[in-house]
C-alpha atoms as a PDB file:
ATOM      1  CA  MET A   1       2.454   1.348-143.275  1.00  0.00           C
ATOM      2  CA  THR A   2       3.637   0.299-146.728  1.00  0.00           C
ATOM      3  CA  LEU A   3       3.624   2.589-149.759  1.00  0.00           C
ATOM      4  CA  VAL A   4       3.356   1.002-153.134  1.00  0.00           C
ATOM      5  CA  ALA A   5       4.553   2.809-156.220  1.00  0.00           C
ATOM      6  CA  VAL A   6       2.343   2.158-159.210  1.00  0.00           C
ATOM      7  CA  VAL A   7       3.847   2.243-162.636  1.00  0.00           C
ATOM      8  CA  ASP A   8       1.544   3.116-165.544  1.00  0.00           C
ATOM      9  CA  GLY A   9       3.414   1.248-168.224  1.00  0.00           C
ATOM     10  CA  THR A  10       5.598   4.207-169.165  1.00  0.00           C
ATOM     11  CA  GLY A  11       8.210   3.325-166.621  1.00  0.00           C
ATOM     12  CA  CYS A  12       7.449   6.495-164.655  1.00  0.00           C
ATOM     13  CA  SER A  13       6.571   6.795-161.015  1.00  0.00           C
ATOM     14  CA  PRO A  14       3.193   8.365-160.182  1.00  0.00           C
ATOM     15  CA  GLN A  15       4.902  11.678-159.451  1.00  0.00           C
ATOM     16  CA  GLN A  16       6.702  11.660-162.797  1.00  0.00           C
ATOM     17  CA  ALA A  17       3.528  10.612-164.656  1.00  0.00           C
ATOM     18  CA  SER A  18       1.608  13.438-163.023  1.00  0.00           C
ATOM     19  CA  LYS A  19       4.296  15.939-164.023  1.00  0.00           C
ATOM     20  CA  LYS A  20       4.247  14.664-167.641  1.00  0.00           C
ATOM     21  CA  ALA A  21       0.445  14.868-167.778  1.00  0.00           C
ATOM     22  CA  GLY A  22       0.640  18.481-166.633  1.00  0.00           C
ATOM     23  CA  GLN A  23       3.152  19.206-169.392  1.00  0.00           C
ATOM     24  CA  VAL A  24       0.897  17.561-171.984  1.00  0.00           C
ATOM     25  CA  TRP A  25      -2.003  19.880-171.063  1.00  0.00           C
ATOM     26  CA  LEU A  26       0.208  22.918-170.703  1.00  0.00           C
ATOM     27  CA  ARG A  27       1.550  22.807-174.281  1.00  0.00           C
ATOM     28  CA  PRO A  28      -1.838  23.139-176.086  1.00  0.00           C
ATOM     29  CA  LEU A  29      -2.903  25.822-173.628  1.00  0.00           C
ATOM     30  CA  ILE A  30       0.220  27.895-174.334  1.00  0.00           C
ATOM     31  CA  ALA A  31      -0.323  27.456-178.100  1.00  0.00           C
ATOM     32  CA  LEU A  32      -3.927  28.627-177.776  1.00  0.00           C
ATOM     33  CA  LEU A  33      -2.931  31.677-175.739  1.00  0.00           C
ATOM     34  CA  MET A  34      -0.282  32.582-178.327  1.00  0.00           C
ATOM     35  CA  ALA A  35      -2.886  32.378-181.116  1.00  0.00           C
ATOM     36  CA  LEU A  36      -5.276  34.838-179.437  1.00  0.00           C
ATOM     37  CA  PRO A  37      -3.539  37.955-180.828  1.00  0.00           C
ATOM     38  CA  LEU A  38      -3.834  36.419-184.304  1.00  0.00           C
ATOM     39  CA  MET A  39      -7.566  35.952-183.806  1.00  0.00           C
ATOM     40  CA  GLU A  40      -7.966  39.612-182.908  1.00  0.00           C
ATOM     41  CA  SER A  41      -6.604  40.639-186.289  1.00  0.00           C
ATOM     42  CA  VAL A  42      -9.302  38.694-188.151  1.00  0.00           C
ATOM     43  CA  ALA A  43     -11.767  41.015-189.887  1.00  0.00           C
ATOM     44  CA  SER A  44     -15.351  40.893-188.716  1.00  0.00           C
ATOM     45  CA  SER A  45     -18.549  42.067-190.254  1.00  0.00           C
ATOM     46  CA  THR A  46     -22.154  42.377-189.160  1.00  0.00           C
ATOM     47  CA  VAL A  47     -24.615  40.207-191.008  1.00  0.00           C
ATOM     48  CA  THR A  48     -28.094  41.657-191.330  1.00  0.00           C
ATOM     49  CA  VAL A  49     -30.947  39.265-191.904  1.00  0.00           C
ATOM     50  CA  ARG A  50     -34.315  40.595-193.027  1.00  0.00           C
ATOM     51  CA  VAL A  51     -37.345  38.377-192.892  1.00  0.00           C
ATOM     52  CA  SER A  52     -40.871  39.097-193.982  1.00  0.00           C
ATOM     53  CA  VAL A  53     -43.370  36.920-192.181  1.00  0.00           C
ATOM     54  CA  ILE A  54     -46.426  36.548-194.344  1.00  0.00           C
ATOM     55  CA  ALA A  55     -49.518  35.507-192.462  1.00  0.00           C
ATOM     56  CA  PRO A  56     -52.367  34.068-194.450  1.00  0.00           C
ATOM     57  CA  PRO A  57     -55.270  36.452-194.760  1.00  0.00           C
ATOM     58  CA  PRO A  58     -57.932  35.841-192.161  1.00  0.00           C
ATOM     59  CA  CYS A  59     -61.175  34.146-192.976  1.00  0.00           C
ATOM     60  CA  VAL A  60     -64.312  36.237-192.719  1.00  0.00           C
ATOM     61  CA  VAL A  61     -67.113  34.574-190.778  1.00  0.00           C
ATOM     62  CA  ASN A  62     -70.657  35.572-191.728  1.00  0.00           C
ATOM     63  CA  GLY A  63     -69.527  38.770-193.455  1.00  0.00           C
ATOM     64  CA  ASP A  64     -68.401  40.090-190.042  1.00  0.00           C
ATOM     65  CA  GLN A  65     -72.042  40.168-188.945  1.00  0.00           C
ATOM     66  CA  PRO A  66     -73.503  38.473-185.851  1.00  0.00           C
ATOM     67  CA  ILE A  67     -74.862  34.951-186.275  1.00  0.00           C
ATOM     68  CA  THR A  68     -78.366  34.758-184.852  1.00  0.00           C
ATOM     69  CA  VAL A  69     -80.405  31.635-184.181  1.00  0.00           C
ATOM     70  CA  GLU A  70     -84.088  32.344-183.567  1.00  0.00           C
ATOM     71  CA  PHE A  71     -86.015  29.602-181.749  1.00  0.00           C
ATOM     72  CA  GLY A  72     -89.364  31.372-181.932  1.00  0.00           C
ATOM     73  CA  GLU A  73     -91.879  30.464-179.245  1.00  0.00           C
ATOM     74  CA  VAL A  74     -90.611  27.668-177.013  1.00  0.00           C
ATOM     75  CA  MET A  75     -92.852  25.855-174.536  1.00  0.00           C
ATOM     76  CA  THR A  76     -90.926  25.282-171.309  1.00  0.00           C
ATOM     77  CA  THR A  77     -92.450  21.816-170.899  1.00  0.00           C
ATOM     78  CA  ARG A  78     -91.214  20.696-174.335  1.00  0.00           C
ATOM     79  CA  VAL A  79     -87.516  21.611-173.903  1.00  0.00           C
ATOM     80  CA  ASP A  80     -85.819  18.218-174.086  1.00  0.00           C
ATOM     81  CA  GLY A  81     -82.695  18.627-176.234  1.00  0.00           C
ATOM     82  CA  ASN A  82     -84.530  17.466-179.384  1.00  0.00           C
ATOM     83  CA  ASN A  83     -87.443  19.853-179.852  1.00  0.00           C
ATOM     84  CA  TYR A  84     -86.735  23.261-181.385  1.00  0.00           C
ATOM     85  CA  LYS A  85     -83.460  22.182-183.049  1.00  0.00           C
ATOM     86  CA  MET A  86     -82.376  24.943-185.460  1.00  0.00           C
ATOM     87  CA  PRO A  87     -79.509  25.212-187.970  1.00  0.00           C
ATOM     88  CA  VAL A  88     -76.736  27.693-187.222  1.00  0.00           C
ATOM     89  CA  ASN A  89     -76.590  29.462-190.588  1.00  0.00           C
ATOM     90  CA  TYR A  90     -73.313  31.221-191.321  1.00  0.00           C
ATOM     91  CA  SER A  91     -71.073  32.021-194.262  1.00  0.00           C
ATOM     92  CA  LEU A  92     -67.325  31.577-194.472  1.00  0.00           C
ATOM     93  CA  THR A  93     -64.959  33.321-196.896  1.00  0.00           C
ATOM     94  CA  CYS A  94     -61.237  32.474-196.937  1.00  0.00           C
ATOM     95  CA  ILE A  95     -59.176  33.935-199.785  1.00  0.00           C
ATOM     96  CA  GLY A  96     -55.517  33.415-200.600  1.00  0.00           C
ATOM     97  CA  GLY A  97     -54.428  30.965-197.932  1.00  0.00           C
ATOM     98  CA  ASN A  98     -51.691  28.431-198.716  1.00  0.00           C
ATOM     99  CA  SER A  99     -53.783  25.666-197.210  1.00  0.00           C
ATOM    100  CA  ASN A 100     -57.456  24.881-197.005  1.00  0.00           C
ATOM    101  CA  ALA A 101     -56.979  23.073-193.685  1.00  0.00           C
ATOM    102  CA  LEU A 102     -58.853  25.099-191.071  1.00  0.00           C
ATOM    103  CA  THR A 103     -60.135  24.845-187.520  1.00  0.00           C
ATOM    104  CA  LEU A 104     -63.366  26.228-186.117  1.00  0.00           C
ATOM    105  CA  THR A 105     -63.778  26.945-182.419  1.00  0.00           C
ATOM    106  CA  ILE A 106     -66.852  28.254-180.656  1.00  0.00           C
ATOM    107  CA  ALA A 107     -65.599  30.035-177.562  1.00  0.00           C
ATOM    108  CA  GLY A 108     -68.062  30.613-174.773  1.00  0.00           C
ATOM    109  CA  ASN A 109     -69.234  29.602-171.330  1.00  0.00           C
ATOM    110  CA  ALA A 110     -70.702  26.134-171.053  1.00  0.00           C
ATOM    111  CA  THR A 111     -73.442  25.269-168.585  1.00  0.00           C
ATOM    112  CA  SER A 112     -72.487  23.298-165.482  1.00  0.00           C
ATOM    113  CA  PHE A 113     -74.876  20.509-166.513  1.00  0.00           C
ATOM    114  CA  ASP A 114     -73.875  20.059-170.187  1.00  0.00           C
ATOM    115  CA  GLY A 115     -70.402  20.760-171.649  1.00  0.00           C
ATOM    116  CA  ALA A 116     -71.960  21.073-175.122  1.00  0.00           C
ATOM    117  CA  ALA A 117     -74.508  23.707-174.037  1.00  0.00           C
ATOM    118  CA  LEU A 118     -73.920  27.434-173.916  1.00  0.00           C
ATOM    119  CA  LEU A 119     -74.878  29.185-170.712  1.00  0.00           C
ATOM    120  CA  THR A 120     -77.994  31.344-171.027  1.00  0.00           C
ATOM    121  CA  ASP A 121     -79.395  34.128-168.897  1.00  0.00           C
ATOM    122  CA  LYS A 122     -82.193  31.760-167.732  1.00  0.00           C
ATOM    123  CA  ALA A 123     -81.559  29.464-164.754  1.00  0.00           C
ATOM    124  CA  GLY A 124     -81.562  25.778-165.730  1.00  0.00           C
ATOM    125  CA  LEU A 125     -81.595  26.478-169.490  1.00  0.00           C
ATOM    126  CA  GLY A 126     -78.777  26.059-172.002  1.00  0.00           C
ATOM    127  CA  VAL A 127     -78.348  26.005-175.774  1.00  0.00           C
ATOM    128  CA  ARG A 128     -76.642  22.786-176.881  1.00  0.00           C
ATOM    129  CA  LEU A 129     -74.515  23.013-180.012  1.00  0.00           C
ATOM    130  CA  LEU A 130     -74.283  20.078-182.389  1.00  0.00           C
ATOM    131  CA  GLU A 131     -71.786  19.340-185.141  1.00  0.00           C
ATOM    132  CA  GLY A 132     -74.023  17.381-187.452  1.00  0.00           C
ATOM    133  CA  SER A 133     -75.847  15.119-185.003  1.00  0.00           C
ATOM    134  CA  ALA A 134     -73.081  14.907-182.367  1.00  0.00           C
ATOM    135  CA  PRO A 135     -72.813  17.273-179.388  1.00  0.00           C
ATOM    136  CA  TYR A 136     -70.030  19.841-179.841  1.00  0.00           C
ATOM    137  CA  THR A 137     -68.043  20.484-176.661  1.00  0.00           C
ATOM    138  CA  ILE A 138     -67.746  24.233-176.158  1.00  0.00           C
ATOM    139  CA  ASN A 139     -64.211  25.653-176.766  1.00  0.00           C
ATOM    140  CA  ASN A 140     -62.991  22.559-178.693  1.00  0.00           C
ATOM    141  CA  GLN A 141     -61.574  22.712-182.217  1.00  0.00           C
ATOM    142  CA  ILE A 142     -63.295  21.224-185.222  1.00  0.00           C
ATOM    143  CA  LYS A 143     -60.866  20.467-188.067  1.00  0.00           C
ATOM    144  CA  PHE A 144     -62.212  20.824-191.585  1.00  0.00           C
ATOM    145  CA  THR A 145     -61.187  21.559-195.167  1.00  0.00           C
ATOM    146  CA  TYR A 146     -62.381  24.730-196.870  1.00  0.00           C
ATOM    147  CA  PRO A 147     -64.571  25.364-198.896  1.00  0.00           C
ATOM    148  CA  GLY A 148     -66.474  22.821-196.829  1.00  0.00           C
ATOM    149  CA  LYS A 149     -67.552  23.940-193.368  1.00  0.00           C
ATOM    150  CA  PRO A 150     -68.948  22.262-190.270  1.00  0.00           C
ATOM    151  CA  GLU A 151     -72.715  21.803-190.193  1.00  0.00           C
ATOM    152  CA  LEU A 152     -73.837  23.272-186.870  1.00  0.00           C
ATOM    153  CA  TYR A 153     -77.143  23.153-185.016  1.00  0.00           C
ATOM    154  CA  ALA A 154     -78.461  24.663-181.788  1.00  0.00           C
ATOM    155  CA  VAL A 155     -81.145  23.205-179.537  1.00  0.00           C
ATOM    156  CA  PRO A 156     -82.459  24.322-176.138  1.00  0.00           C
ATOM    157  CA  VAL A 157     -81.763  21.947-173.223  1.00  0.00           C
ATOM    158  CA  GLN A 158     -82.741  22.094-169.583  1.00  0.00           C
ATOM    159  CA  GLN A 159     -80.972  20.971-166.468  1.00  0.00           C
ATOM    160  CA  ARG A 160     -82.412  17.757-165.040  1.00  0.00           C
ATOM    161  CA  GLY A 161     -84.918  18.605-162.328  1.00  0.00           C
ATOM    162  CA  ALA A 162     -85.073  22.313-163.222  1.00  0.00           C
ATOM    163  CA  THR A 163     -88.363  24.111-163.703  1.00  0.00           C
ATOM    164  CA  LEU A 164     -88.057  26.658-166.483  1.00  0.00           C
ATOM    165  CA  THR A 165     -89.799  30.011-166.309  1.00  0.00           C
ATOM    166  CA  GLY A 166     -91.274  31.901-169.241  1.00  0.00           C
ATOM    167  CA  GLY A 167     -89.642  34.878-170.929  1.00  0.00           C
ATOM    168  CA  GLU A 168     -86.930  35.601-173.450  1.00  0.00           C
ATOM    169  CA  PHE A 169     -83.486  34.042-173.149  1.00  0.00           C
ATOM    170  CA  SER A 170     -80.150  34.541-174.837  1.00  0.00           C
ATOM    171  CA  ALA A 171     -76.726  32.936-175.033  1.00  0.00           C
ATOM    172  CA  ALA A 172     -73.546  34.286-176.591  1.00  0.00           C
ATOM    173  CA  ALA A 173     -70.352  32.806-178.008  1.00  0.00           C
ATOM    174  CA  ILE A 174     -67.573  33.719-180.426  1.00  0.00           C
ATOM    175  CA  MET A 175     -66.893  31.648-183.544  1.00  0.00           C
ATOM    176  CA  ASN A 176     -63.207  31.591-184.485  1.00  0.00           C
ATOM    177  CA  VAL A 177     -61.839  30.150-187.724  1.00  0.00           C
ATOM    178  CA  ALA A 178     -58.084  29.707-188.141  1.00  0.00           C
ATOM    179  CA  TYR A 179     -55.635  28.014-190.507  1.00  0.00           C
ATOM    180  CA  GLN A 180     -54.149  24.767-189.181  1.00  0.00           C
END
């Protein structure tokens, strides 16, 4: 077996180079340890930061009153997603916000047959919501700029192949308006 001594250009053997490297690291470490007592004598103070988070005032939807859409008398054989379309009339008051950029969300349970229709208490019947003329997918955000507001409509729809029965029906949802 042959051992070869490698010289790193300093003229030192590997053992000597290793010893020098250890000395190079040892010097700054000793200096740092000697400075620790000096650091302890540095004065310290507690800085108190007080922050007031100001949230924009909430918007008031429909004067905090329920929004009701009355369809009147509906013939079960004429429910097709077009007949009996009614506007969703509501008011919106937003005062003092820094921005007029808002979002509107209608939170509720959608039917299994139409993601834009609220579930009703009648089997096979839903109430589709429209933003203008386009179906509004339940629980999605609509971005808008106040004082404008989304134009919403509601229309009864039935599940394909379902036979509707007579009687009253209802659907419920929550309208949320928030600053963007």
